[in-house]
Amino acid sequence: MADTPHTIHVDVVSAEESIFSGEARFVALPGEAGELGIYPRHTPLITRVKPGSVRIERADGGEEFVFVAGGILEVQPNRVTVLSDTAIRGKDLDEEKANEAKAAAEEALKNAKSEIDMAKAQSELAVMAAQLAALRKFRQKK
């Protein structure tokens, strides 16, 4: 199936594990310069990925959502690889945990003593906000 021009092999990998590996018709994800859409036989590309959700339209017509906290995207004509420190399957996103982490990041932002603390807290907050947005998007699709 991988050789058919209608699908592209997709791997989404976190620091801990392979989150998704399979054939897809289309992949959409938040690139550094905006939303990217990748079809089979896409021009080779390497770019950064911003925090948000990777939407994979599987070869069987189903959809897979994976939240990534940023990372690197590599596109070859027959393969897409997303590498992220943190990647969570849409169905594994936990709203309560994400809200707790967002509150903790907001608290850290309030108590930041230096620019470095501030930047770290803002970054964590952006990741949590993106995770919650991804979770809401995932729930709407069901």
N, C-alpha and C. Protein backbone atom coordinates (compact mmCIF):
# COMPACT_ATOMS: atom_id res chain seq x y z
N MET A 1 0.83 -1.20 0.00
CA MET A 1 0.00 0.00 0.00
C MET A 1 0.87 1.26 0.00
N ALA A 2 2.04 1.18 0.63
CA ALA A 2 2.90 2.36 0.74
C ALA A 2 3.34 2.89 -0.62
N ASP A 3 3.34 2.02 -1.63
CA ASP A 3 3.80 2.45 -2.94
C ASP A 3 2.72 3.13 -3.77
N THR A 4 1.47 3.06 -3.31
CA THR A 4 0.41 3.68 -4.10
C THR A 4 0.54 5.19 -4.00
N PRO A 5 0.26 5.90 -5.07
CA PRO A 5 0.40 7.35 -5.05
C PRO A 5 -0.70 8.03 -4.23
N HIS A 6 -1.65 7.23 -3.73
CA HIS A 6 -2.78 7.82 -3.01
C HIS A 6 -2.55 7.93 -1.51
N THR A 7 -1.47 7.32 -1.00
CA THR A 7 -1.20 7.40 0.44
C THR A 7 0.26 7.77 0.67
N ILE A 8 0.50 8.19 1.90
CA ILE A 8 1.85 8.56 2.34
C ILE A 8 2.04 7.95 3.71
N HIS A 9 3.25 7.44 3.98
CA HIS A 9 3.48 6.84 5.30
C HIS A 9 3.73 7.95 6.31
N VAL A 10 3.05 7.89 7.46
CA VAL A 10 3.17 8.91 8.50
C VAL A 10 3.67 8.28 9.79
N ASP A 11 4.68 8.91 10.39
CA ASP A 11 5.17 8.52 11.71
C ASP A 11 5.13 9.75 12.60
N VAL A 12 4.47 9.62 13.76
CA VAL A 12 4.51 10.67 14.77
C VAL A 12 5.19 10.03 15.97
N VAL A 13 6.32 10.61 16.37
CA VAL A 13 7.15 10.00 17.40
C VAL A 13 7.42 11.01 18.51
N SER A 14 7.25 10.57 19.78
CA SER A 14 7.62 11.42 20.91
C SER A 14 8.95 10.91 21.46
N ALA A 15 9.46 11.59 22.47
CA ALA A 15 10.71 11.15 23.10
C ALA A 15 10.54 9.76 23.70
N GLU A 16 9.31 9.40 24.10
CA GLU A 16 9.07 8.13 24.77
C GLU A 16 8.67 6.99 23.84
N GLU A 17 7.90 7.30 22.80
CA GLU A 17 7.31 6.20 22.02
C GLU A 17 6.84 6.65 20.65
N SER A 18 6.51 5.65 19.82
CA SER A 18 5.86 5.93 18.54
C SER A 18 4.38 6.12 18.84
N ILE A 19 3.83 7.26 18.46
CA ILE A 19 2.44 7.59 18.77
C ILE A 19 1.52 7.14 17.63
N PHE A 20 2.00 7.30 16.41
CA PHE A 20 1.22 6.87 15.24
C PHE A 20 2.20 6.44 14.15
N SER A 21 1.89 5.35 13.49
CA SER A 21 2.66 4.91 12.34
C SER A 21 1.69 4.22 11.41
N GLY A 22 1.54 4.75 10.20
CA GLY A 22 0.60 4.13 9.26
C GLY A 22 0.45 4.94 7.99
N GLU A 23 -0.39 4.43 7.12
CA GLU A 23 -0.64 5.07 5.83
C GLU A 23 -1.73 6.13 5.97
N ALA A 24 -1.54 7.23 5.26
CA ALA A 24 -2.53 8.31 5.32
C ALA A 24 -2.75 8.92 3.94
N ARG A 25 -3.92 9.54 3.80
CA ARG A 25 -4.23 10.26 2.56
C ARG A 25 -3.81 11.72 2.65
N PHE A 26 -3.80 12.24 3.91
CA PHE A 26 -3.57 13.67 4.12
C PHE A 26 -3.15 13.90 5.56
N VAL A 27 -2.28 14.89 5.77
CA VAL A 27 -1.86 15.27 7.12
C VAL A 27 -1.94 16.79 7.22
N ALA A 28 -2.52 17.31 8.30
CA ALA A 28 -2.56 18.75 8.56
C ALA A 28 -1.93 19.00 9.92
N LEU A 29 -1.08 20.03 10.01
CA LEU A 29 -0.43 20.34 11.28
C LEU A 29 0.02 21.79 11.32
N PRO A 30 0.27 22.30 12.56
CA PRO A 30 0.65 23.70 12.71
C PRO A 30 2.14 23.91 12.45
N GLY A 31 2.47 24.37 11.25
CA GLY A 31 3.87 24.66 10.91
C GLY A 31 4.27 26.01 11.48
N GLU A 32 5.55 26.30 11.39
CA GLU A 32 6.09 27.54 11.94
C GLU A 32 5.43 28.77 11.30
N ALA A 33 5.14 28.68 10.00
CA ALA A 33 4.59 29.84 9.28
C ALA A 33 3.08 29.71 9.06
N GLY A 34 2.43 28.78 9.76
CA GLY A 34 0.98 28.61 9.60
C GLY A 34 0.63 27.16 9.38
N GLU A 35 -0.65 26.90 9.16
CA GLU A 35 -1.17 25.54 8.99
C GLU A 35 -0.59 24.91 7.71
N LEU A 36 -0.10 23.69 7.82
CA LEU A 36 0.45 22.96 6.67
C LEU A 36 -0.46 21.79 6.33
N GLY A 37 -0.65 21.56 5.04
CA GLY A 37 -1.39 20.40 4.57
C GLY A 37 -0.48 19.58 3.69
N ILE A 38 -0.36 18.29 3.96
CA ILE A 38 0.58 17.46 3.21
C ILE A 38 -0.15 16.28 2.57
N TYR A 39 -0.03 16.19 1.26
CA TYR A 39 -0.58 15.07 0.49
C TYR A 39 0.57 14.19 0.02
N PRO A 40 0.27 12.96 -0.43
CA PRO A 40 1.33 12.11 -1.00
C PRO A 40 2.08 12.85 -2.11
N ARG A 41 3.34 12.54 -2.26
CA ARG A 41 4.24 13.12 -3.27
C ARG A 41 4.51 14.61 -3.02
N HIS A 42 4.45 15.03 -1.76
CA HIS A 42 4.75 16.42 -1.39
C HIS A 42 6.24 16.69 -1.61
N THR A 43 6.57 17.91 -1.91
CA THR A 43 7.96 18.33 -2.05
C THR A 43 8.70 18.10 -0.72
N PRO A 44 9.93 17.61 -0.74
CA PRO A 44 10.69 17.44 0.51
C PRO A 44 10.78 18.75 1.30
N LEU A 45 10.69 18.63 2.62
CA LEU A 45 10.61 19.81 3.47
C LEU A 45 11.03 19.45 4.89
N ILE A 46 11.74 20.34 5.55
CA ILE A 46 12.00 20.20 6.99
C ILE A 46 11.64 21.54 7.61
N THR A 47 10.81 21.51 8.66
CA THR A 47 10.41 22.75 9.31
C THR A 47 10.06 22.47 10.77
N ARG A 48 9.96 23.53 11.54
CA ARG A 48 9.53 23.39 12.93
C ARG A 48 8.02 23.28 12.97
N VAL A 49 7.53 22.61 14.01
CA VAL A 49 6.10 22.47 14.25
C VAL A 49 5.78 23.22 15.53
N LYS A 50 4.69 24.00 15.52
CA LYS A 50 4.27 24.72 16.72
C LYS A 50 3.35 23.82 17.55
N PRO A 51 3.18 24.13 18.83
CA PRO A 51 2.24 23.34 19.65
C PRO A 51 0.85 23.35 19.03
N GLY A 52 0.22 22.19 18.98
CA GLY A 52 -1.12 22.09 18.42
C GLY A 52 -1.42 20.67 18.01
N SER A 53 -2.44 20.49 17.17
CA SER A 53 -2.80 19.12 16.83
C SER A 53 -2.43 18.77 15.40
N VAL A 54 -1.95 17.53 15.27
CA VAL A 54 -1.66 16.93 13.97
C VAL A 54 -2.90 16.12 13.61
N ARG A 55 -3.50 16.43 12.46
CA ARG A 55 -4.69 15.69 12.02
C ARG A 55 -4.27 14.78 10.88
N ILE A 56 -4.49 13.50 11.07
CA ILE A 56 -4.10 12.51 10.06
C ILE A 56 -5.35 11.86 9.50
N GLU A 57 -5.54 12.01 8.18
CA GLU A 57 -6.65 11.32 7.51
C GLU A 57 -6.08 9.98 7.05
N ARG A 58 -6.45 8.91 7.78
CA ARG A 58 -5.91 7.58 7.49
C ARG A 58 -6.37 7.06 6.13
N ALA A 59 -5.62 6.07 5.62
CA ALA A 59 -5.93 5.46 4.33
C ALA A 59 -7.34 4.85 4.33
N ASP A 60 -7.80 4.37 5.51
CA ASP A 60 -9.13 3.76 5.60
C ASP A 60 -10.25 4.78 5.73
N GLY A 61 -9.89 6.08 5.70
CA GLY A 61 -10.90 7.14 5.76
C GLY A 61 -11.13 7.67 7.16
N GLY A 62 -10.63 6.96 8.19
CA GLY A 62 -10.77 7.44 9.57
C GLY A 62 -9.82 8.59 9.84
N GLU A 63 -9.99 9.22 11.01
CA GLU A 63 -9.12 10.33 11.38
C GLU A 63 -8.42 10.04 12.69
N GLU A 64 -7.21 10.52 12.78
CA GLU A 64 -6.40 10.38 13.98
C GLU A 64 -5.95 11.78 14.36
N PHE A 65 -6.04 12.13 15.66
CA PHE A 65 -5.53 13.41 16.14
C PHE A 65 -4.42 13.15 17.13
N VAL A 66 -3.32 13.89 16.99
CA VAL A 66 -2.22 13.77 17.95
C VAL A 66 -1.84 15.19 18.36
N PHE A 67 -1.82 15.45 19.67
CA PHE A 67 -1.37 16.75 20.16
C PHE A 67 0.15 16.72 20.25
N VAL A 68 0.82 17.74 19.70
CA VAL A 68 2.27 17.85 19.84
C VAL A 68 2.61 19.18 20.50
N ALA A 69 3.61 19.16 21.37
CA ALA A 69 4.04 20.37 22.06
C ALA A 69 5.17 21.03 21.27
N GLY A 70 5.04 21.04 19.95
CA GLY A 70 6.10 21.57 19.10
C GLY A 70 6.99 20.42 18.63
N GLY A 71 7.95 20.73 17.77
CA GLY A 71 8.84 19.68 17.30
C GLY A 71 9.34 19.98 15.89
N ILE A 72 9.72 18.91 15.20
CA ILE A 72 10.28 19.01 13.85
C ILE A 72 9.47 18.14 12.90
N LEU A 73 9.24 18.67 11.71
CA LEU A 73 8.54 17.92 10.66
C LEU A 73 9.51 17.67 9.52
N GLU A 74 9.57 16.42 9.07
CA GLU A 74 10.33 16.11 7.86
C GLU A 74 9.37 15.49 6.87
N VAL A 75 9.35 16.02 5.65
CA VAL A 75 8.48 15.50 4.60
C VAL A 75 9.36 14.99 3.46
N GLN A 76 9.13 13.76 3.05
CA GLN A 76 9.71 13.18 1.84
C GLN A 76 8.52 12.83 0.95
N PRO A 77 8.71 12.62 -0.36
CA PRO A 77 7.55 12.37 -1.22
C PRO A 77 6.65 11.22 -0.77
N ASN A 78 7.23 10.21 -0.09
CA ASN A 78 6.40 9.06 0.33
C ASN A 78 6.37 8.86 1.84
N ARG A 79 6.87 9.84 2.60
CA ARG A 79 6.93 9.68 4.06
C ARG A 79 6.89 11.02 4.77
N VAL A 80 6.11 11.07 5.88
CA VAL A 80 6.05 12.24 6.75
C VAL A 80 6.47 11.78 8.14
N THR A 81 7.42 12.51 8.74
CA THR A 81 7.84 12.18 10.10
C THR A 81 7.69 13.42 10.97
N VAL A 82 6.98 13.28 12.10
CA VAL A 82 6.85 14.37 13.06
C VAL A 82 7.56 13.90 14.33
N LEU A 83 8.58 14.66 14.74
CA LEU A 83 9.32 14.36 15.97
C LEU A 83 8.99 15.42 16.99
N SER A 84 8.54 15.00 18.17
CA SER A 84 8.16 15.96 19.21
C SER A 84 8.58 15.42 20.56
N ASP A 85 9.05 16.30 21.46
CA ASP A 85 9.36 15.86 22.82
C ASP A 85 8.12 15.26 23.45
N THR A 86 6.99 15.94 23.26
CA THR A 86 5.73 15.49 23.84
C THR A 86 4.69 15.35 22.75
N ALA A 87 4.13 14.16 22.63
CA ALA A 87 3.04 13.91 21.69
C ALA A 87 2.02 13.04 22.40
N ILE A 88 0.76 13.41 22.32
CA ILE A 88 -0.30 12.69 23.02
C ILE A 88 -1.43 12.40 22.04
N ARG A 89 -1.87 11.15 21.98
CA ARG A 89 -3.01 10.79 21.12
C ARG A 89 -4.24 11.59 21.57
N GLY A 90 -5.01 12.05 20.60
CA GLY A 90 -6.21 12.83 20.92
C GLY A 90 -7.08 12.16 21.96
N LYS A 91 -7.24 10.83 21.82
CA LYS A 91 -8.14 10.13 22.77
C LYS A 91 -7.54 10.03 24.17
N ASP A 92 -6.21 10.30 24.30
CA ASP A 92 -5.56 10.22 25.61
C ASP A 92 -5.46 11.57 26.30
N LEU A 93 -5.86 12.65 25.60
CA LEU A 93 -5.80 13.97 26.22
C LEU A 93 -6.76 14.00 27.41
N ASP A 94 -6.31 14.57 28.48
CA ASP A 94 -7.10 14.63 29.70
C ASP A 94 -7.36 16.10 30.05
N GLU A 95 -8.61 16.51 29.92
CA GLU A 95 -8.94 17.93 30.12
C GLU A 95 -8.62 18.40 31.54
N GLU A 96 -8.91 17.56 32.52
CA GLU A 96 -8.67 17.94 33.92
C GLU A 96 -7.17 18.18 34.15
N LYS A 97 -6.35 17.24 33.68
CA LYS A 97 -4.88 17.37 33.83
C LYS A 97 -4.39 18.60 33.09
N ALA A 98 -4.90 18.82 31.88
CA ALA A 98 -4.47 19.97 31.08
C ALA A 98 -4.85 21.28 31.77
N ASN A 99 -6.05 21.32 32.36
CA ASN A 99 -6.48 22.52 33.08
C ASN A 99 -5.63 22.77 34.32
N GLU A 100 -5.28 21.68 35.04
CA GLU A 100 -4.42 21.81 36.22
C GLU A 100 -3.05 22.35 35.82
N ALA A 101 -2.50 21.81 34.74
CA ALA A 101 -1.18 22.24 34.27
C ALA A 101 -1.23 23.70 33.80
N LYS A 102 -2.35 24.07 33.17
CA LYS A 102 -2.51 25.46 32.70
C LYS A 102 -2.56 26.40 33.91
N ALA A 103 -3.30 26.01 34.94
CA ALA A 103 -3.39 26.83 36.16
C ALA A 103 -2.01 26.96 36.81
N ALA A 104 -1.25 25.86 36.85
CA ALA A 104 0.09 25.88 37.43
C ALA A 104 1.00 26.82 36.62
N ALA A 105 0.87 26.77 35.29
CA ALA A 105 1.68 27.64 34.44
C ALA A 105 1.30 29.10 34.65
N GLU A 106 -0.01 29.38 34.82
CA GLU A 106 -0.47 30.75 35.08
C GLU A 106 0.08 31.26 36.41
N GLU A 107 0.07 30.38 37.42
CA GLU A 107 0.60 30.71 38.74
C GLU A 107 2.11 31.01 38.64
N ALA A 108 2.83 30.18 37.89
CA ALA A 108 4.28 30.37 37.70
C ALA A 108 4.54 31.71 37.01
N LEU A 109 3.65 32.07 36.08
CA LEU A 109 3.79 33.33 35.36
C LEU A 109 3.63 34.51 36.33
N LYS A 110 2.65 34.40 37.23
CA LYS A 110 2.42 35.46 38.22
C LYS A 110 3.62 35.62 39.15
N ASN A 111 4.24 34.48 39.50
CA ASN A 111 5.33 34.50 40.48
C ASN A 111 6.72 34.57 39.84
N ALA A 112 6.77 34.74 38.53
CA ALA A 112 8.06 34.76 37.83
C ALA A 112 8.93 35.90 38.36
N LYS A 113 10.17 35.57 38.73
CA LYS A 113 11.09 36.55 39.31
C LYS A 113 12.03 37.14 38.25
N SER A 114 12.17 36.43 37.13
CA SER A 114 13.12 36.90 36.12
C SER A 114 12.52 36.73 34.74
N GLU A 115 13.19 37.27 33.74
CA GLU A 115 12.72 37.12 32.36
C GLU A 115 12.75 35.66 31.94
N ILE A 116 13.75 34.92 32.44
CA ILE A 116 13.85 33.50 32.08
C ILE A 116 12.65 32.73 32.64
N ASP A 117 12.32 32.98 33.92
CA ASP A 117 11.14 32.34 34.52
C ASP A 117 9.89 32.70 33.73
N MET A 118 9.79 33.98 33.36
CA MET A 118 8.63 34.49 32.63
C MET A 118 8.51 33.78 31.28
N ALA A 119 9.63 33.68 30.56
CA ALA A 119 9.62 33.04 29.23
C ALA A 119 9.23 31.57 29.36
N LYS A 120 9.76 30.89 30.37
CA LYS A 120 9.46 29.47 30.57
C LYS A 120 7.97 29.29 30.88
N ALA A 121 7.44 30.12 31.77
CA ALA A 121 6.02 30.03 32.14
C ALA A 121 5.13 30.34 30.94
N GLN A 122 5.50 31.35 30.15
CA GLN A 122 4.71 31.70 28.96
C GLN A 122 4.70 30.55 27.96
N SER A 123 5.86 29.90 27.82
CA SER A 123 5.98 28.77 26.90
C SER A 123 5.09 27.62 27.37
N GLU A 124 5.14 27.31 28.68
CA GLU A 124 4.30 26.24 29.24
C GLU A 124 2.83 26.56 29.07
N LEU A 125 2.48 27.81 29.28
CA LEU A 125 1.09 28.24 29.14
C LEU A 125 0.62 28.08 27.69
N ALA A 126 1.47 28.45 26.74
CA ALA A 126 1.13 28.32 25.32
C ALA A 126 0.90 26.86 24.96
N VAL A 127 1.74 25.98 25.49
CA VAL A 127 1.60 24.54 25.22
C VAL A 127 0.29 24.02 25.81
N MET A 128 -0.03 24.42 27.04
CA MET A 128 -1.28 23.96 27.67
C MET A 128 -2.51 24.50 26.93
N ALA A 129 -2.46 25.75 26.53
CA ALA A 129 -3.59 26.34 25.78
C ALA A 129 -3.78 25.58 24.47
N ALA A 130 -2.67 25.24 23.80
CA ALA A 130 -2.76 24.49 22.54
C ALA A 130 -3.31 23.09 22.79
N GLN A 131 -2.92 22.50 23.92
CA GLN A 131 -3.40 21.15 24.25
C GLN A 131 -4.91 21.18 24.50
N LEU A 132 -5.38 22.18 25.23
CA LEU A 132 -6.82 22.30 25.48
C LEU A 132 -7.59 22.56 24.19
N ALA A 133 -7.02 23.38 23.31
CA ALA A 133 -7.67 23.66 22.02
C ALA A 133 -7.74 22.37 21.19
N ALA A 134 -6.66 21.60 21.22
CA ALA A 134 -6.62 20.32 20.48
C ALA A 134 -7.67 19.37 21.04
N LEU A 135 -7.81 19.35 22.35
CA LEU A 135 -8.78 18.49 23.01
C LEU A 135 -10.21 18.86 22.59
N ARG A 136 -10.49 20.16 22.57
CA ARG A 136 -11.84 20.61 22.16
C ARG A 136 -12.11 20.24 20.70
N LYS A 137 -11.11 20.41 19.84
CA LYS A 137 -11.24 20.07 18.42
C LYS A 137 -11.51 18.57 18.26
N PHE A 138 -10.78 17.77 19.01
CA PHE A 138 -10.92 16.31 18.99
C PHE A 138 -12.33 15.91 19.42
N ARG A 139 -12.83 16.56 20.48
CA ARG A 139 -14.18 16.23 20.99
C ARG A 139 -15.27 16.60 19.99
N GLN A 140 -15.09 17.73 19.28
CA GLN A 140 -16.08 18.16 18.30
C GLN A 140 -16.22 17.17 17.15
N LYS A 141 -15.11 16.50 16.80
CA LYS A 141 -15.11 15.58 15.68
C LYS A 141 -15.88 14.30 15.98
N LYS A 142 -16.01 13.99 17.28
CA LYS A 142 -16.66 12.72 17.67
C LYS A 142 -18.15 12.77 17.49
